[in-house]
Each structure stands twice: as structure tokens, then as C-alpha cells.
């Protein structure tokens, strides 16, 4: 087991229990008590060092420094990402697998098409509603599952897509906690991997020349660096890694409703917006302001030095996402919700390593989520639709507990449509 070598380092007490108890607040609280902007601790018995800031993003996403292979524990793979997923790969093997996902976006056309699908499905859901009371989180997850089903060419009935939505939210909800939530997440993943592996096998029964270019067929016929097709189970994992993150936008959609309720002045700006620029800025601010991923982790690829600190090979390296998105050194008045941060001449593209709600780095060459543009586009679409929707917010518990990961308003945000 690697050990840190620094005479004046703090005791390396294990923080696993503290992380589970304090959730999103754990690492930012530790960072505030740090004199040099790093935290030294242990997680699950392994020495770990936590970093923050644009320079830390560059350091973390350099594969000469930090690797993902073997970094993600089995409980996370068995619920959130899946065994053999692209997230577990490095170097050329990772880049070839990831190129499959990037190609589906087609220079923005794929993103725009999915955004249009989200808007269409949302409007249909609101027009066809059978009752006035809507739990926004549940409805958003269902709408997003229908939209990505259509976009990805996955032949599922509406009822099966609703089941898929519930299973995907279970996978996300249960990855970071022991107990019943985790068990539900495991069962949900197993169920959907079985179903999607069957679809992959069905696609391969048709000649490749008949491919329509759907995401389902792109995954089914993808060849890895060694030239072989993915086995059906791994292909199902990667198809879920298109579907699950899209359904997970339901968390951000619920936070968008929360923001519009707390600061209703943004409704007028979203209603009046043309070209989507304000809606995109609003989406970026939702992603910055509200808690989603607390941090990302990898393993030190070799003995390293970070700001004078020795980081031994094999140690956990954490990048503090939630803390960085609220760092006053990067964001003026960081606990003020203000989409105007992203409407000036220096938009989010100018601060790729500042805004890191889903990780940092370059999506084309590194581990940054290639579907981040999908998140922004879909969230901007739903936020605009919410701003135009006539509803009231009944009394409910809208508290967002930072001790729970992932978190939401406790009520799921209930709307009463008018």
C-alpha cells in the first residue's frame, strides 16, 4: 500500500465514514481547513490526496499523472458505470472507445436532434397529462427516457421506456451509498444490461450494411482498438452510458425548477429568449450552483509531486468538483445564482477548466464527459419550457440535503398545473 512522505503532513485518518455522513460538504470543508489547497486523507483504506482549481484539472487529466483503470471500485461499476465501461479505460484504448460516443454528436447535429426530441416529448407530456399534480423529477426522467429512446433508435414501448427511466434513476441514486438504495441500483443495472444485450444481439443478426446510423447500431457494430466487436454485455454497458446520463439530466431539470421558484425573475428572461443564449447561460449556472458530482477520482500513474507534496504511485487522486464550482477565487459571490456569469464575451468555453460540474479536461482527448453538450442543450430546453408553463408550487419540503449523494429537493419538486 503506498504511503505519503511528508514530515509535516496531517495524520492520515480514514475519511470514508465522514464522506458518507457529510456528503457534498465533506471535501469543501476539508479544503477550507487546508493551508495549501490540498487535502491528505484516506478513503476505503487507501491514501488519497484531493486537489482543486484549473491547474489541478490540468494535472488530474494528464494520463501521465492519473489513470482511471482500476480506480473505480466495483460498487460504483456495478451500479453507475458498468463493468468494462469507457470510464475504466486509458490511453489509446480509451480514445478509440470514446470516439464512438463523440461521433454520435456529429458536429452538433446529434446534440441538436436530441434537444429537439426532448422538447417534443416534454410538450406531449404536458399536453397529455392526466392529472394536475406532477412530481417534476419523475416526469422529467420519463420524458428524457422517451427522448433518448427515440434519438438512439432503441425499440422500446413507452411503458418499457418508463421502466428504463426508473432503473436509470435508481442506478444514479444508489451508487454512492450502502444499503437498500445500492441494492436497488444493482438490480436495476442487471435488469437493463440483460435487456439491452438482447437488443445488441438482435441488431447483429442484421447485416452491418443495413445500419441506419442510430446510436444502438453504432454501439452494436463498434470495434475496439484490437478490431473486435464488444461482447454483448459490454455493448449494453456502453449503450446504457448513453441513456443513463441523459435520464440523469432529470436532477438538473429539478434544480432548474427550484431556481425558477426561488428567483422567479429568470422566468421572463427565459420566456423572451431568442437563439437560446440565455437559456444556455441559465443551464450552465444551474450546473455550477447546484450539487451533482462531488468529485472525480483516479489513481496516481507514478510517483508524482503536486505543489511540493509527494503523491505515491497508486494513491487516490481526487478532483474537488463541487468545491471548485463554488470557489470564490474563481467565481465572484459563488453562492449567488446568476446566469449572467455566462452571458459575457468570455463564455464557458473560455473557462473549460473552471466550470467542472461533470469533470474537466478536453472531451475529445481526455475523460471529460462527451455528452456535456447534450446536458446543456436538454437542460436549456426544459428550463425554457418550465418558464413558459402555467403552474403553481404547493407547500412542500424543498430542502436540498447536502449530506445525501446524489441529492434533490426532498419532495422531488411537486407542480400543480393550471
Protein backbone atom coordinates (compact mmCIF):
# COMPACT_ATOMS: atom_id res chain seq x y z
CA UNK A 1 0.00 0.00 0.00
CA UNK A 2 1.53 3.40 -0.96
CA UNK A 3 2.19 5.92 1.78
CA UNK A 4 2.68 9.67 1.72
CA UNK A 5 6.09 11.02 2.70
CA UNK A 6 5.89 14.43 4.22
CA UNK A 7 7.05 15.18 7.72
CA UNK A 8 4.51 17.90 8.45
CA UNK A 9 1.53 16.15 6.86
CA UNK A 10 -1.66 15.74 8.85
CA UNK A 11 -2.48 12.27 10.22
CA UNK A 12 -3.82 10.01 7.51
CA UNK A 13 -7.10 9.12 9.18
CA UNK A 14 -9.65 7.34 7.00
CA UNK A 15 -12.44 9.68 5.90
CA UNK A 16 -14.82 7.16 4.33
CA UNK A 17 -17.37 7.45 7.14
CA UNK A 18 -17.09 11.25 7.19
CA UNK A 19 -17.74 11.34 3.44
CA UNK A 20 -20.85 9.18 3.82
CA UNK A 21 -22.12 11.35 6.70
CA UNK A 22 -21.35 14.81 5.32
CA UNK A 23 -21.72 14.18 1.58
CA UNK A 24 -21.02 17.15 -0.65
CA UNK A 25 -19.84 19.28 2.27
CA UNK A 26 -17.08 16.89 3.32
CA UNK A 27 -14.35 17.84 0.84
CA UNK A 28 -15.04 21.62 0.65
CA UNK A 29 -15.00 21.73 4.47
CA UNK A 30 -11.66 19.94 4.50
CA UNK A 31 -10.35 22.27 1.79
CA UNK A 32 -11.27 25.34 3.86
CA UNK A 33 -9.10 23.98 6.65
CA UNK A 34 -6.15 23.37 4.33
CA UNK A 35 -3.24 25.79 4.26
CA UNK A 36 -2.01 24.80 0.80
CA UNK A 37 -5.21 23.95 -1.11
CA UNK A 38 -4.85 20.19 -0.84
CA UNK A 39 -6.37 17.58 1.46
CA UNK A 40 -4.49 14.49 2.57
CA UNK A 41 -6.55 11.61 3.87
CA UNK A 42 -7.54 8.00 3.28
CA UNK A 43 -10.65 6.65 1.57
CA UNK A 44 -11.55 2.98 1.89
CA UNK A 45 -8.13 2.49 3.47
CA UNK A 46 -6.20 3.93 0.50
CA UNK A 47 -4.04 7.07 0.80
CA UNK A 48 -5.72 9.91 -1.06
CA UNK A 49 -4.93 13.49 -1.95
CA UNK A 50 -7.60 15.95 -3.06
CA UNK A 51 -6.90 18.88 -5.39
CA UNK A 52 -8.84 21.88 -6.65
CA UNK A 53 -8.52 24.58 -9.30
CA UNK A 54 -7.76 24.93 -13.02
CA UNK A 55 -4.14 23.84 -12.54
CA UNK A 56 -5.40 20.79 -10.66
CA UNK A 57 -7.73 19.98 -13.57
CA UNK A 58 -4.79 20.04 -15.98
CA UNK A 59 -2.75 17.88 -13.61
CA UNK A 60 -5.58 15.40 -12.98
CA UNK A 61 -6.49 14.83 -16.64
CA UNK A 62 -2.91 14.27 -17.77
CA UNK A 63 -2.70 10.49 -18.23
CA UNK A 64 0.97 10.59 -17.30
CA UNK A 65 -0.27 11.63 -13.86
CA UNK A 66 -3.65 9.99 -13.20
CA UNK A 67 -5.20 6.80 -14.56
CA UNK A 68 -8.79 5.54 -14.44
CA UNK A 69 -8.02 1.84 -14.92
CA UNK A 70 -8.77 0.12 -11.58
CA UNK A 71 -9.61 3.50 -9.99
CA UNK A 72 -13.36 2.96 -9.78
CA UNK A 73 -14.38 0.44 -7.10
CA UNK A 74 -16.68 -2.42 -8.02
CA UNK A 75 -19.69 -0.97 -6.12
CA UNK A 76 -19.57 2.09 -8.43
CA UNK A 77 -19.07 0.00 -11.57
CA UNK A 78 -21.84 -2.41 -10.60
CA UNK A 79 -24.33 0.45 -10.27
CA UNK A 80 -23.35 3.64 -12.09
CA UNK A 81 -20.95 2.97 -14.97
CA UNK A 82 -20.93 -0.79 -15.57
CA UNK A 83 -18.06 -3.26 -15.72
CA UNK A 84 -15.79 -2.66 -18.72
CA UNK A 85 -17.16 0.84 -19.37
CA UNK A 86 -15.23 3.52 -21.22
CA UNK A 87 -14.69 5.28 -17.88
CA UNK A 88 -12.35 2.46 -16.80
CA UNK A 89 -10.03 2.70 -19.82
CA UNK A 90 -6.92 4.77 -20.50
CA UNK A 91 -4.64 5.77 -23.38
CA UNK A 92 -5.44 4.64 -26.94
CA UNK A 93 -7.97 2.02 -25.82
CA UNK A 94 -9.95 4.79 -24.13
CA UNK A 95 -9.68 7.15 -27.08
CA UNK A 96 -10.92 4.57 -29.60
CA UNK A 97 -13.89 3.62 -27.41
CA UNK A 98 -14.69 7.26 -26.66
CA UNK A 99 -14.54 8.18 -30.35
CA UNK A 100 -17.71 6.12 -30.78
CA UNK A 101 -19.57 8.45 -28.42
CA UNK A 102 -18.11 11.62 -29.93
CA UNK A 103 -19.03 10.52 -33.47
CA UNK A 104 -22.69 10.27 -32.45
CA UNK A 105 -22.75 14.01 -31.74
CA UNK A 106 -21.87 14.77 -35.40
CA UNK A 107 -20.52 18.30 -35.00
CA UNK A 108 -23.57 19.42 -33.05
CA UNK A 109 -26.24 17.87 -35.26
CA UNK A 110 -26.69 14.91 -32.93
CA UNK A 111 -26.92 17.21 -29.92
CA UNK A 112 -29.49 19.43 -31.63
CA UNK A 113 -31.55 16.40 -32.66
CA UNK A 114 -31.67 15.10 -29.10
CA UNK A 115 -32.58 18.57 -27.81
CA UNK A 116 -35.47 18.70 -30.27
CA UNK A 117 -36.59 15.26 -29.14
CA UNK A 118 -36.58 16.41 -25.51
CA UNK A 119 -38.68 19.48 -26.32
CA UNK A 120 -41.16 17.46 -28.36
CA UNK A 121 -41.58 14.79 -25.70
CA UNK A 122 -41.93 17.41 -22.94
CA UNK A 123 -44.69 19.24 -24.79
CA UNK A 124 -46.51 15.99 -25.48
CA UNK A 125 -46.28 15.05 -21.81
CA UNK A 126 -47.71 18.38 -20.69
CA UNK A 127 -50.49 18.27 -23.31
CA UNK A 128 -51.45 14.68 -22.46
CA UNK A 129 -51.29 14.99 -18.68
CA UNK A 130 -53.97 13.02 -16.86
CA UNK A 131 -53.72 14.89 -13.57
CA UNK A 132 -52.77 18.35 -12.42
CA UNK A 133 -50.21 17.25 -9.83
CA UNK A 134 -46.77 16.39 -11.26
CA UNK A 135 -43.63 15.29 -9.43
CA UNK A 136 -41.18 17.06 -11.69
CA UNK A 137 -38.22 14.75 -11.10
CA UNK A 138 -40.20 11.65 -12.04
CA UNK A 139 -41.82 13.29 -15.06
CA UNK A 140 -38.53 14.74 -16.32
CA UNK A 141 -36.84 11.33 -16.06
CA UNK A 142 -39.67 9.72 -18.06
CA UNK A 143 -39.61 12.44 -20.73
CA UNK A 144 -35.82 12.18 -21.06
CA UNK A 145 -36.00 8.39 -21.36
CA UNK A 146 -38.58 8.69 -24.16
CA UNK A 147 -36.48 11.33 -25.92
CA UNK A 148 -33.22 9.38 -25.78
CA UNK A 149 -35.05 6.19 -26.78
CA UNK A 150 -36.28 7.92 -29.93
CA UNK A 151 -32.90 9.50 -30.64
CA UNK A 152 -30.86 6.35 -30.05
CA UNK A 153 -33.16 4.12 -32.09
CA UNK A 154 -33.85 1.73 -29.20
CA UNK A 155 -37.04 -0.27 -29.93
CA UNK A 156 -38.85 0.00 -26.60
CA UNK A 157 -42.52 0.64 -25.88
CA UNK A 158 -43.50 3.72 -23.89
CA UNK A 159 -44.11 1.51 -20.87
CA UNK A 160 -40.67 -0.11 -21.21
CA UNK A 161 -39.10 3.35 -21.57
CA UNK A 162 -40.79 4.42 -18.32
CA UNK A 163 -39.30 1.33 -16.64
CA UNK A 164 -35.94 2.27 -18.12
CA UNK A 165 -36.27 5.76 -16.63
CA UNK A 166 -36.92 4.33 -13.17
CA UNK A 167 -33.99 1.93 -13.46
CA UNK A 168 -31.61 4.64 -14.66
CA UNK A 169 -32.51 6.94 -11.79
CA UNK A 170 -32.03 4.01 -9.41
CA UNK A 171 -28.53 3.42 -10.82
CA UNK A 172 -27.56 7.03 -10.18
CA UNK A 173 -29.34 7.27 -6.84
CA UNK A 174 -27.71 4.18 -5.34
CA UNK A 175 -24.09 4.28 -6.45
CA UNK A 176 -22.72 6.35 -3.55
CA UNK A 177 -24.40 4.72 -0.59
CA UNK A 178 -24.66 1.32 1.08
CA UNK A 179 -27.97 -0.31 1.92
CA UNK A 180 -31.29 -0.59 0.06
CA UNK A 181 -30.59 2.19 -2.45
CA UNK A 182 -27.41 0.43 -3.53
CA UNK A 183 -29.15 -2.93 -3.86
CA UNK A 184 -31.89 -1.35 -5.99
CA UNK A 185 -29.21 0.18 -8.21
CA UNK A 186 -27.50 -3.18 -8.73
CA UNK A 187 -30.77 -4.88 -9.62
CA UNK A 188 -31.70 -2.06 -11.99
CA UNK A 189 -28.39 -2.27 -13.83
CA UNK A 190 -28.54 -6.04 -14.13
CA UNK A 191 -32.09 -5.86 -15.48
CA UNK A 192 -31.28 -3.23 -18.12
CA UNK A 193 -27.97 -4.79 -19.15
CA UNK A 194 -29.80 -8.08 -19.79
CA UNK A 195 -32.47 -6.36 -21.88
CA UNK A 196 -30.08 -4.20 -23.91
CA UNK A 197 -27.63 -7.07 -24.50
CA UNK A 198 -30.54 -8.87 -26.16
CA UNK A 199 -31.15 -5.86 -28.40
CA UNK A 200 -27.45 -5.77 -29.36
CA UNK A 201 -27.65 -9.43 -30.37
CA UNK A 202 -30.77 -8.73 -32.43
CA UNK A 203 -29.05 -5.87 -34.28
CA UNK A 204 -26.09 -8.07 -35.12
CA UNK A 205 -28.41 -10.58 -36.71
CA UNK A 206 -28.92 -7.96 -39.47
CA UNK A 207 -26.09 -7.25 -41.94
CA UNK A 208 -24.00 -4.24 -40.97
CA UNK A 209 -24.65 -2.65 -44.38
CA UNK A 210 -28.29 -2.16 -43.38
CA UNK A 211 -27.31 0.08 -40.46
CA UNK A 212 -29.39 3.25 -40.12
CA UNK A 213 -26.70 5.08 -38.15
CA UNK A 214 -28.56 5.01 -34.84
CA UNK A 215 -26.74 5.03 -31.53
CA UNK A 216 -27.92 1.48 -30.91
CA UNK A 217 -26.33 0.28 -34.13
CA UNK A 218 -23.18 2.37 -33.62
CA UNK A 219 -22.59 0.60 -30.31
CA UNK A 220 -23.53 -2.81 -31.69
CA UNK A 221 -21.02 -2.55 -34.54
CA UNK A 222 -18.26 -0.65 -32.74
CA UNK A 223 -14.82 -2.26 -32.91
CA UNK A 224 -12.28 -1.62 -30.18
CA UNK A 225 -8.58 -0.94 -30.68
CA UNK A 226 -7.90 -4.64 -31.27
CA UNK A 227 -10.52 -4.73 -34.06
CA UNK A 228 -13.04 -6.88 -32.22
CA UNK A 229 -16.69 -6.16 -31.56
CA UNK A 230 -17.68 -5.51 -27.99
CA UNK A 231 -19.20 -8.52 -26.29
CA UNK A 232 -22.99 -8.05 -25.93
CA UNK A 233 -22.77 -7.29 -22.21
CA UNK A 234 -20.11 -4.59 -22.65
CA UNK A 235 -22.03 -3.15 -25.59
CA UNK A 236 -25.11 -2.97 -23.35
CA UNK A 237 -23.00 -1.19 -20.73
CA UNK A 238 -21.94 1.44 -23.27
CA UNK A 239 -25.47 1.86 -24.61
CA UNK A 240 -26.56 2.50 -21.05
CA UNK A 241 -23.74 5.04 -20.82
CA UNK A 242 -25.62 7.00 -23.47
CA UNK A 243 -29.08 6.50 -21.99
CA UNK A 244 -28.38 6.75 -18.24
CA UNK A 245 -26.60 10.15 -18.29
CA UNK A 246 -29.40 11.56 -20.46
CA UNK A 247 -32.03 10.40 -17.98
CA UNK A 248 -29.86 11.80 -15.16
CA UNK A 249 -30.46 15.30 -16.55
CA UNK A 250 -33.67 14.97 -14.51
CA UNK A 251 -31.60 16.03 -11.49
CA UNK A 252 -30.59 19.26 -13.20
CA UNK A 253 -34.13 19.79 -14.53
CA UNK A 254 -35.45 19.61 -10.96
CA UNK A 255 -32.80 22.06 -9.81
CA UNK A 256 -33.82 24.38 -12.67
CA UNK A 257 -37.39 24.38 -11.35
CA UNK A 258 -36.04 25.05 -7.87
CA UNK A 259 -34.06 28.04 -9.18
CA UNK A 260 -37.07 29.45 -11.04
CA UNK A 261 -39.13 29.14 -7.87
CA UNK A 262 -36.55 30.89 -5.68
CA UNK A 263 -35.64 33.56 -8.24
CA UNK A 264 -38.71 33.94 -10.50
CA UNK A 265 -37.25 36.95 -12.32
CA UNK A 266 -35.40 34.49 -14.55
CA UNK A 267 -38.70 33.21 -15.96
CA UNK A 268 -39.21 36.36 -18.02
CA UNK A 269 -35.69 36.21 -19.44
CA UNK A 270 -36.15 32.56 -20.45
CA UNK A 271 -39.57 33.23 -21.98
CA UNK A 272 -38.25 36.14 -24.02
CA UNK A 273 -35.00 34.48 -25.05
CA UNK A 274 -34.18 34.09 -28.71
CA UNK A 275 -31.48 31.81 -30.03
CA UNK A 276 -31.16 30.04 -26.72
CA UNK A 277 -28.23 32.11 -25.41
CA UNK A 278 -29.84 33.00 -22.08
CA UNK A 279 -31.26 29.50 -21.70
CA UNK A 280 -27.77 28.05 -22.15
CA UNK A 281 -26.35 30.52 -19.62
CA UNK A 282 -29.12 29.54 -17.20
CA UNK A 283 -28.27 25.85 -17.76
CA UNK A 284 -24.59 26.48 -17.06
CA UNK A 285 -25.43 28.32 -13.84
CA UNK A 286 -27.73 25.52 -12.68
CA UNK A 287 -24.87 23.08 -13.25
CA UNK A 288 -22.43 25.31 -11.40
CA UNK A 289 -24.65 26.29 -8.48
CA UNK A 290 -26.43 23.06 -7.56
CA UNK A 291 -24.75 19.86 -6.29
CA UNK A 292 -24.34 16.97 -8.71
CA UNK A 293 -20.98 15.13 -8.67
CA UNK A 294 -18.95 15.83 -5.50
CA UNK A 295 -15.60 14.86 -7.01
CA UNK A 296 -13.94 12.53 -9.51
CA UNK A 297 -11.13 10.14 -8.69
CA UNK A 298 -8.22 8.36 -10.33
CA UNK A 299 -5.01 6.60 -9.37
CA UNK A 300 -1.54 8.16 -9.48
CA UNK A 301 0.18 6.61 -12.50
CA UNK A 302 3.64 7.06 -10.99
CA UNK A 303 5.34 8.83 -8.10
CA UNK A 304 4.26 12.46 -8.51
CA UNK A 305 4.72 15.85 -6.93
CA UNK A 306 1.82 18.28 -6.55
CA UNK A 307 2.72 21.69 -5.09
CA UNK A 308 5.55 20.18 -3.12
CA UNK A 309 3.52 17.21 -1.93
CA UNK A 310 4.73 13.70 -2.76
CA UNK A 311 1.95 11.60 -4.29
CA UNK A 312 2.98 7.94 -4.40
CA UNK A 313 2.15 5.68 -7.30
CA UNK A 314 -1.22 4.03 -6.77
CA UNK A 315 -2.60 6.67 -4.40
CA UNK A 316 -6.11 8.02 -4.97
CA UNK A 317 -6.19 11.48 -6.53
CA UNK A 318 -9.46 13.37 -6.08
CA UNK A 319 -10.54 16.45 -8.02
CA UNK A 320 -12.94 18.56 -5.96
CA UNK A 321 -15.78 19.43 -8.37
CA UNK A 322 -18.44 20.83 -6.05
CA UNK A 323 -15.90 22.89 -4.15
CA UNK A 324 -14.31 24.26 -7.32
CA UNK A 325 -17.69 25.33 -8.69
CA UNK A 326 -18.14 27.41 -5.50
CA UNK A 327 -14.57 28.63 -5.12
CA UNK A 328 -14.52 32.43 -4.52
CA UNK A 329 -11.12 32.56 -6.21
CA UNK A 330 -12.84 31.53 -9.46
CA UNK A 331 -16.41 32.82 -9.05
CA UNK A 332 -17.46 36.20 -7.71
CA UNK A 333 -20.03 35.73 -4.95
CA UNK A 334 -20.21 31.99 -5.72
CA UNK A 335 -23.35 31.33 -3.65
CA UNK A 336 -25.38 33.84 -5.68
CA UNK A 337 -27.35 32.28 -8.54
CA UNK A 338 -26.54 34.46 -11.55
CA UNK A 339 -26.70 33.16 -15.17
CA UNK A 340 -25.11 36.42 -16.34
CA UNK A 341 -21.76 34.87 -15.45
CA UNK A 342 -22.09 33.01 -18.75
CA UNK A 343 -23.51 35.73 -21.00
CA UNK A 344 -20.42 37.94 -21.36
CA UNK A 345 -17.71 37.82 -24.03
CA UNK A 346 -15.94 35.09 -22.07
CA UNK A 347 -18.46 32.28 -22.04
CA UNK A 348 -17.97 28.81 -20.59
CA UNK A 349 -15.72 27.82 -23.49
CA UNK A 350 -13.16 30.27 -22.15
CA UNK A 351 -13.21 28.60 -18.72
CA UNK A 352 -13.19 24.90 -19.59
CA UNK A 353 -11.11 24.11 -16.53
CA UNK A 354 -13.09 26.44 -14.21
CA UNK A 355 -16.62 25.06 -14.65
CA UNK A 356 -16.44 21.35 -13.82
CA UNK A 357 -19.87 20.01 -12.74
CA UNK A 358 -19.28 16.79 -14.69
CA UNK A 359 -15.49 16.80 -14.63
CA UNK A 360 -12.89 18.77 -16.54
CA UNK A 361 -10.34 18.45 -19.31
CA UNK A 362 -10.82 18.05 -23.06
CA UNK A 363 -13.76 15.82 -24.06
CA UNK A 364 -12.06 14.82 -27.33
CA UNK A 365 -8.76 13.63 -25.88
CA UNK A 366 -9.41 13.14 -22.17
CA UNK A 367 -12.02 11.81 -19.77
CA UNK A 368 -14.38 14.82 -19.76
CA UNK A 369 -17.92 13.69 -20.45
CA UNK A 370 -18.56 13.84 -24.23
CA UNK A 371 -22.28 14.26 -23.51
CA UNK A 372 -21.85 17.54 -21.67
CA UNK A 373 -23.26 19.47 -24.63
CA UNK A 374 -26.30 17.17 -24.52
CA UNK A 375 -26.79 18.06 -20.86
CA UNK A 376 -26.65 21.79 -21.58
CA UNK A 377 -28.95 21.56 -24.62
CA UNK A 378 -31.56 19.37 -22.93
CA UNK A 379 -31.47 21.38 -19.71
CA UNK A 380 -31.82 24.66 -21.59
CA UNK A 381 -34.83 23.23 -23.44
CA UNK A 382 -36.56 22.01 -20.28
CA UNK A 383 -35.81 25.25 -18.39
CA UNK A 384 -37.39 27.27 -21.21
CA UNK A 385 -40.46 25.01 -21.24
CA UNK A 386 -40.78 25.34 -17.46
CA UNK A 387 -40.61 29.12 -17.71
CA UNK A 388 -43.50 29.05 -20.19
CA UNK A 389 -45.58 26.54 -18.25
CA UNK A 390 -48.50 27.76 -16.14
CA UNK A 391 -48.20 26.11 -12.73
CA UNK A 392 -48.07 26.79 -9.03
CA UNK A 393 -45.82 25.28 -6.38
CA UNK A 394 -47.81 23.92 -3.42
CA UNK A 395 -46.36 23.77 0.07
CA UNK A 396 -43.72 21.04 0.24
CA UNK A 397 -40.22 20.35 1.54
CA UNK A 398 -37.88 21.91 -0.99
CA UNK A 399 -34.79 21.49 1.19
CA UNK A 400 -31.74 20.07 -0.57
CA UNK A 401 -29.74 17.94 1.90
CA UNK A 402 -26.02 18.12 1.15
CA UNK A 403 -25.47 15.00 3.23
CA UNK A 404 -27.25 12.91 0.60
CA UNK A 405 -25.44 11.97 -2.63
CA UNK A 406 -26.87 12.45 -5.17
CA UNK A 407 -29.25 14.99 -3.73
CA UNK A 408 -32.53 16.58 -4.75
CA UNK A 409 -35.25 18.72 -3.22
CA UNK A 410 -36.78 16.30 -0.74
CA UNK A 411 -40.20 16.46 -2.38
CA UNK A 412 -38.90 15.83 -5.90
CA UNK A 413 -40.44 19.25 -6.66
CA UNK A 414 -44.20 18.97 -7.00
CA UNK A 415 -46.00 21.18 -9.52
CA UNK A 416 -49.71 21.82 -9.69
CA UNK A 417 -50.55 22.58 -13.31
CA UNK A 418 -53.20 25.15 -14.09
